[in-house]
Amino acid sequence: MAKQWLTRVTELLEGVTVKFAYVQDGVPREGFLARIGDQIVAYENVCRHLPLPLDFGDNHIFTQDRQYFACQTHGAIYEPLTGLCLHGPCAGASLKPLRVSSENGELWLEVLDTIG
């Protein structure tokens, strides 16, 4: 399992996402982090309806009221703590969660490669 440094916990503000690039199984991917209350979540930045990023490259993943994640292309609405699509063309599907660990105030992505 590879580990990749992402950010410091103190730099992850509530209601704001932090995007990052990573490689899994030799494929470049993009993920994002968010703080929801005292919890930190991370997901692959891919809508479950069609494989497009949730944002338009502008890091706008939260809805305007900052209560949910939204796909800017399809209008799918996701529950932040679970990644479950609550409304839209992929209702019932879930964002792909990513494993993040916290060590000494720093957040690290834990990537499991299944090839190689």
N, C-alpha and C. Protein backbone atom coordinates (compact mmCIF):
# COMPACT_ATOMS: atom_id res chain seq x y z
N MET A 1 0.85 -1.17 0.00
CA MET A 1 0.00 0.00 0.00
C MET A 1 0.90 1.24 0.00
N ALA A 2 0.62 2.15 -0.90
CA ALA A 2 1.37 3.40 -0.97
C ALA A 2 0.66 4.47 -0.16
N LYS A 3 1.44 5.38 0.42
CA LYS A 3 0.87 6.50 1.16
C LYS A 3 1.31 7.79 0.48
N GLN A 4 0.38 8.73 0.43
CA GLN A 4 0.63 10.01 -0.22
C GLN A 4 0.17 11.13 0.70
N TRP A 5 1.06 12.08 0.97
CA TRP A 5 0.71 13.21 1.82
C TRP A 5 -0.30 14.09 1.11
N LEU A 6 -1.34 14.55 1.83
CA LEU A 6 -2.38 15.38 1.23
C LEU A 6 -2.37 16.82 1.76
N THR A 7 -2.50 16.99 3.05
CA THR A 7 -2.56 18.32 3.65
C THR A 7 -2.49 18.19 5.17
N ARG A 8 -2.42 19.30 5.83
CA ARG A 8 -2.51 19.32 7.28
C ARG A 8 -3.99 19.39 7.68
N VAL A 9 -4.35 18.76 8.75
CA VAL A 9 -5.74 18.76 9.23
C VAL A 9 -6.23 20.19 9.42
N THR A 10 -5.38 21.06 9.96
CA THR A 10 -5.77 22.44 10.24
C THR A 10 -6.05 23.24 8.96
N GLU A 11 -5.56 22.79 7.83
CA GLU A 11 -5.77 23.50 6.56
C GLU A 11 -7.05 23.06 5.85
N LEU A 12 -7.69 22.02 6.37
CA LEU A 12 -8.93 21.52 5.77
C LEU A 12 -10.11 22.17 6.49
N LEU A 13 -10.67 23.20 5.88
CA LEU A 13 -11.75 23.96 6.48
C LEU A 13 -13.11 23.33 6.17
N GLU A 14 -14.03 23.45 7.09
CA GLU A 14 -15.37 22.89 6.88
C GLU A 14 -16.06 23.64 5.74
N GLY A 15 -16.75 22.88 4.88
CA GLY A 15 -17.48 23.46 3.78
C GLY A 15 -16.64 23.76 2.54
N VAL A 16 -15.38 23.34 2.58
CA VAL A 16 -14.47 23.56 1.45
C VAL A 16 -13.85 22.22 1.09
N THR A 17 -13.73 21.93 -0.19
CA THR A 17 -13.07 20.70 -0.60
C THR A 17 -11.64 20.99 -1.02
N VAL A 18 -10.80 19.99 -0.83
CA VAL A 18 -9.41 20.03 -1.28
C VAL A 18 -9.23 18.88 -2.26
N LYS A 19 -8.90 19.22 -3.50
CA LYS A 19 -8.71 18.19 -4.52
C LYS A 19 -7.24 17.77 -4.56
N PHE A 20 -7.00 16.55 -5.02
CA PHE A 20 -5.64 16.04 -5.13
C PHE A 20 -5.59 15.00 -6.24
N ALA A 21 -4.43 14.85 -6.82
CA ALA A 21 -4.20 13.83 -7.85
C ALA A 21 -3.52 12.64 -7.20
N TYR A 22 -3.81 11.46 -7.71
CA TYR A 22 -3.15 10.25 -7.25
C TYR A 22 -3.17 9.23 -8.37
N VAL A 23 -2.40 8.17 -8.20
CA VAL A 23 -2.34 7.11 -9.19
C VAL A 23 -2.74 5.81 -8.51
N GLN A 24 -3.67 5.09 -9.12
CA GLN A 24 -4.06 3.78 -8.61
C GLN A 24 -4.10 2.81 -9.78
N ASP A 25 -3.46 1.68 -9.61
CA ASP A 25 -3.38 0.66 -10.65
C ASP A 25 -2.83 1.24 -11.95
N GLY A 26 -1.88 2.19 -11.81
CA GLY A 26 -1.25 2.78 -12.98
C GLY A 26 -2.08 3.83 -13.70
N VAL A 27 -3.25 4.17 -13.15
CA VAL A 27 -4.15 5.12 -13.79
C VAL A 27 -4.18 6.42 -12.98
N PRO A 28 -3.91 7.57 -13.62
CA PRO A 28 -4.04 8.85 -12.90
C PRO A 28 -5.50 9.11 -12.54
N ARG A 29 -5.72 9.56 -11.32
CA ARG A 29 -7.07 9.82 -10.84
C ARG A 29 -7.08 11.11 -10.04
N GLU A 30 -8.29 11.58 -9.72
CA GLU A 30 -8.42 12.77 -8.89
C GLU A 30 -9.38 12.45 -7.75
N GLY A 31 -9.04 12.94 -6.58
CA GLY A 31 -9.89 12.77 -5.42
C GLY A 31 -10.12 14.10 -4.74
N PHE A 32 -10.95 14.07 -3.71
CA PHE A 32 -11.16 15.29 -2.91
C PHE A 32 -11.40 14.92 -1.46
N LEU A 33 -11.01 15.85 -0.59
CA LEU A 33 -11.21 15.75 0.85
C LEU A 33 -12.23 16.79 1.27
N ALA A 34 -12.95 16.51 2.35
CA ALA A 34 -13.84 17.49 2.94
C ALA A 34 -13.96 17.22 4.43
N ARG A 35 -14.14 18.28 5.18
CA ARG A 35 -14.40 18.16 6.62
C ARG A 35 -15.90 18.38 6.82
N ILE A 36 -16.52 17.42 7.48
CA ILE A 36 -17.95 17.49 7.81
C ILE A 36 -18.02 17.40 9.33
N GLY A 37 -18.21 18.54 9.98
CA GLY A 37 -18.15 18.56 11.44
C GLY A 37 -16.77 18.15 11.88
N ASP A 38 -16.70 17.11 12.72
CA ASP A 38 -15.38 16.64 13.16
C ASP A 38 -14.90 15.43 12.36
N GLN A 39 -15.58 15.13 11.26
CA GLN A 39 -15.18 13.99 10.43
C GLN A 39 -14.55 14.47 9.12
N ILE A 40 -13.62 13.67 8.62
CA ILE A 40 -12.97 13.96 7.35
C ILE A 40 -13.33 12.82 6.39
N VAL A 41 -13.78 13.21 5.20
CA VAL A 41 -14.13 12.23 4.18
C VAL A 41 -13.30 12.47 2.94
N ALA A 42 -13.11 11.42 2.16
CA ALA A 42 -12.39 11.52 0.88
C ALA A 42 -13.06 10.60 -0.13
N TYR A 43 -13.22 11.10 -1.33
CA TYR A 43 -13.84 10.34 -2.40
C TYR A 43 -13.09 10.58 -3.71
N GLU A 44 -13.25 9.64 -4.62
CA GLU A 44 -12.77 9.86 -5.97
C GLU A 44 -13.69 10.90 -6.60
N ASN A 45 -13.12 11.84 -7.32
CA ASN A 45 -13.89 12.93 -7.92
C ASN A 45 -14.49 12.48 -9.25
N VAL A 46 -15.43 11.55 -9.17
CA VAL A 46 -16.09 11.01 -10.35
C VAL A 46 -17.57 10.80 -10.03
N CYS A 47 -18.44 11.38 -10.86
CA CYS A 47 -19.88 11.18 -10.69
C CYS A 47 -20.21 9.72 -10.96
N ARG A 48 -21.21 9.20 -10.31
CA ARG A 48 -21.62 7.80 -10.50
C ARG A 48 -22.56 7.63 -11.68
N HIS A 49 -23.04 8.71 -12.26
CA HIS A 49 -23.92 8.63 -13.43
C HIS A 49 -23.08 8.37 -14.69
N LEU A 50 -22.16 9.27 -14.97
CA LEU A 50 -21.20 9.12 -16.06
C LEU A 50 -19.83 9.47 -15.49
N PRO A 51 -18.77 8.86 -15.98
CA PRO A 51 -17.44 9.07 -15.38
C PRO A 51 -16.85 10.45 -15.72
N LEU A 52 -17.45 11.48 -15.12
CA LEU A 52 -16.98 12.85 -15.25
C LEU A 52 -16.73 13.40 -13.85
N PRO A 53 -15.81 14.38 -13.71
CA PRO A 53 -15.61 15.00 -12.40
C PRO A 53 -16.89 15.66 -11.90
N LEU A 54 -17.05 15.74 -10.58
CA LEU A 54 -18.21 16.40 -10.00
C LEU A 54 -18.18 17.90 -10.27
N ASP A 55 -16.99 18.47 -10.33
CA ASP A 55 -16.86 19.91 -10.57
C ASP A 55 -16.43 20.15 -12.01
N PHE A 56 -16.31 21.43 -12.37
CA PHE A 56 -15.85 21.81 -13.70
C PHE A 56 -14.37 22.19 -13.66
N GLY A 57 -13.62 21.60 -12.72
CA GLY A 57 -12.22 21.94 -12.55
C GLY A 57 -12.03 23.13 -11.63
N ASP A 58 -13.13 23.64 -11.07
CA ASP A 58 -13.08 24.84 -10.24
C ASP A 58 -13.21 24.56 -8.75
N ASN A 59 -13.20 23.28 -8.37
CA ASN A 59 -13.27 22.86 -6.97
C ASN A 59 -14.60 23.22 -6.31
N HIS A 60 -15.66 23.41 -7.08
CA HIS A 60 -17.00 23.64 -6.52
C HIS A 60 -17.75 22.31 -6.49
N ILE A 61 -17.61 21.61 -5.37
CA ILE A 61 -18.23 20.30 -5.22
C ILE A 61 -19.40 20.37 -4.24
N PHE A 62 -19.33 21.25 -3.27
CA PHE A 62 -20.45 21.43 -2.34
C PHE A 62 -21.59 22.18 -3.04
N THR A 63 -22.82 21.91 -2.58
CA THR A 63 -23.95 22.72 -3.00
C THR A 63 -23.78 24.12 -2.40
N GLN A 64 -24.57 25.08 -2.86
CA GLN A 64 -24.43 26.46 -2.37
C GLN A 64 -24.61 26.57 -0.87
N ASP A 65 -25.49 25.75 -0.30
CA ASP A 65 -25.71 25.79 1.15
C ASP A 65 -24.68 24.95 1.92
N ARG A 66 -23.78 24.32 1.20
CA ARG A 66 -22.68 23.51 1.76
C ARG A 66 -23.17 22.31 2.58
N GLN A 67 -24.37 21.82 2.27
CA GLN A 67 -24.93 20.67 2.98
C GLN A 67 -24.67 19.36 2.25
N TYR A 68 -24.46 19.42 0.94
CA TYR A 68 -24.31 18.22 0.12
C TYR A 68 -23.21 18.42 -0.92
N PHE A 69 -22.77 17.31 -1.52
CA PHE A 69 -21.92 17.37 -2.70
C PHE A 69 -22.85 17.31 -3.91
N ALA A 70 -22.45 17.96 -5.00
CA ALA A 70 -23.28 17.96 -6.21
C ALA A 70 -22.43 17.78 -7.45
N CYS A 71 -22.96 17.05 -8.40
CA CYS A 71 -22.34 16.95 -9.72
C CYS A 71 -22.80 18.16 -10.52
N GLN A 72 -21.85 18.98 -10.94
CA GLN A 72 -22.19 20.19 -11.67
C GLN A 72 -22.74 19.89 -13.07
N THR A 73 -22.44 18.73 -13.61
CA THR A 73 -22.91 18.36 -14.95
C THR A 73 -24.31 17.77 -14.91
N HIS A 74 -24.55 16.82 -14.01
CA HIS A 74 -25.80 16.06 -14.02
C HIS A 74 -26.79 16.46 -12.93
N GLY A 75 -26.35 17.25 -11.97
CA GLY A 75 -27.23 17.65 -10.89
C GLY A 75 -27.43 16.60 -9.81
N ALA A 76 -26.66 15.52 -9.84
CA ALA A 76 -26.77 14.50 -8.79
C ALA A 76 -26.36 15.11 -7.44
N ILE A 77 -27.09 14.75 -6.39
CA ILE A 77 -26.84 15.26 -5.04
C ILE A 77 -26.40 14.10 -4.17
N TYR A 78 -25.26 14.26 -3.50
CA TYR A 78 -24.67 13.21 -2.68
C TYR A 78 -24.61 13.62 -1.21
N GLU A 79 -24.89 12.69 -0.33
CA GLU A 79 -24.77 12.89 1.12
C GLU A 79 -23.28 12.83 1.46
N PRO A 80 -22.72 13.87 2.08
CA PRO A 80 -21.27 13.92 2.28
C PRO A 80 -20.66 12.83 3.15
N LEU A 81 -21.32 12.43 4.21
CA LEU A 81 -20.70 11.44 5.10
C LEU A 81 -20.69 10.03 4.53
N THR A 82 -21.64 9.72 3.67
CA THR A 82 -21.72 8.36 3.12
C THR A 82 -21.38 8.29 1.63
N GLY A 83 -21.49 9.43 0.92
CA GLY A 83 -21.28 9.44 -0.52
C GLY A 83 -22.47 8.94 -1.30
N LEU A 84 -23.57 8.63 -0.64
CA LEU A 84 -24.77 8.10 -1.29
C LEU A 84 -25.45 9.18 -2.11
N CYS A 85 -25.80 8.84 -3.35
CA CYS A 85 -26.55 9.76 -4.21
C CYS A 85 -28.01 9.75 -3.76
N LEU A 86 -28.48 10.90 -3.31
CA LEU A 86 -29.84 11.04 -2.80
C LEU A 86 -30.83 11.45 -3.87
N HIS A 87 -30.34 12.13 -4.91
CA HIS A 87 -31.22 12.66 -5.94
C HIS A 87 -30.44 12.80 -7.24
N GLY A 88 -31.07 12.46 -8.33
CA GLY A 88 -30.44 12.62 -9.64
C GLY A 88 -30.40 11.32 -10.41
N PRO A 89 -29.70 11.31 -11.53
CA PRO A 89 -29.71 10.16 -12.43
C PRO A 89 -29.03 8.91 -11.86
N CYS A 90 -28.29 9.05 -10.79
CA CYS A 90 -27.62 7.88 -10.20
C CYS A 90 -28.09 7.62 -8.77
N ALA A 91 -29.31 8.02 -8.45
CA ALA A 91 -29.85 7.84 -7.10
C ALA A 91 -29.66 6.41 -6.63
N GLY A 92 -29.13 6.28 -5.41
CA GLY A 92 -28.88 4.96 -4.84
C GLY A 92 -27.45 4.49 -5.00
N ALA A 93 -26.71 5.06 -5.94
CA ALA A 93 -25.29 4.72 -6.11
C ALA A 93 -24.48 5.58 -5.14
N SER A 94 -23.23 5.21 -4.92
CA SER A 94 -22.38 5.95 -3.99
C SER A 94 -21.06 6.33 -4.62
N LEU A 95 -20.54 7.48 -4.20
CA LEU A 95 -19.20 7.88 -4.60
C LEU A 95 -18.21 6.85 -4.09
N LYS A 96 -17.09 6.70 -4.78
CA LYS A 96 -16.06 5.76 -4.36
C LYS A 96 -15.25 6.39 -3.22
N PRO A 97 -15.35 5.82 -2.01
CA PRO A 97 -14.59 6.37 -0.88
C PRO A 97 -13.11 6.06 -1.02
N LEU A 98 -12.30 6.97 -0.50
CA LEU A 98 -10.86 6.78 -0.46
C LEU A 98 -10.43 6.71 1.00
N ARG A 99 -9.40 5.94 1.25
CA ARG A 99 -8.91 5.74 2.62
C ARG A 99 -7.89 6.81 2.96
N VAL A 100 -8.16 7.55 4.02
CA VAL A 100 -7.27 8.61 4.48
C VAL A 100 -6.96 8.36 5.95
N SER A 101 -5.71 8.54 6.31
CA SER A 101 -5.32 8.41 7.72
C SER A 101 -4.77 9.74 8.20
N SER A 102 -4.85 9.94 9.50
CA SER A 102 -4.32 11.15 10.12
C SER A 102 -3.16 10.76 11.03
N GLU A 103 -2.02 11.40 10.80
CA GLU A 103 -0.83 11.13 11.61
C GLU A 103 -0.18 12.45 11.97
N ASN A 104 -0.09 12.74 13.26
CA ASN A 104 0.55 13.96 13.73
C ASN A 104 -0.01 15.21 13.07
N GLY A 105 -1.32 15.26 12.89
CA GLY A 105 -1.96 16.43 12.32
C GLY A 105 -1.88 16.53 10.81
N GLU A 106 -1.41 15.48 10.15
CA GLU A 106 -1.31 15.47 8.70
C GLU A 106 -2.22 14.38 8.14
N LEU A 107 -2.77 14.65 6.97
CA LEU A 107 -3.65 13.69 6.31
C LEU A 107 -2.91 12.99 5.18
N TRP A 108 -3.05 11.67 5.14
CA TRP A 108 -2.36 10.84 4.17
C TRP A 108 -3.36 9.96 3.44
N LEU A 109 -3.24 9.90 2.12
CA LEU A 109 -4.04 8.99 1.31
C LEU A 109 -3.36 7.64 1.31
N GLU A 110 -4.14 6.60 1.52
CA GLU A 110 -3.62 5.24 1.48
C GLU A 110 -4.17 4.57 0.21
N VAL A 111 -3.28 4.32 -0.75
CA VAL A 111 -3.69 3.79 -2.04
C VAL A 111 -3.30 2.34 -2.14
N LEU A 112 -4.27 1.49 -2.43
CA LEU A 112 -4.03 0.07 -2.62
C LEU A 112 -4.01 -0.20 -4.12
N ASP A 113 -2.87 -0.60 -4.64
CA ASP A 113 -2.78 -0.99 -6.04
C ASP A 113 -3.08 -2.49 -6.14
N THR A 114 -3.94 -2.85 -7.06
CA THR A 114 -4.31 -4.25 -7.22
C THR A 114 -3.55 -4.92 -8.35
N ILE A 115 -2.72 -4.15 -9.06
CA ILE A 115 -1.86 -4.73 -10.10
C ILE A 115 -0.42 -4.47 -9.75
N GLY A 116 0.46 -5.21 -10.32
CA GLY A 116 1.89 -4.96 -10.10
C GLY A 116 2.42 -5.90 -9.15
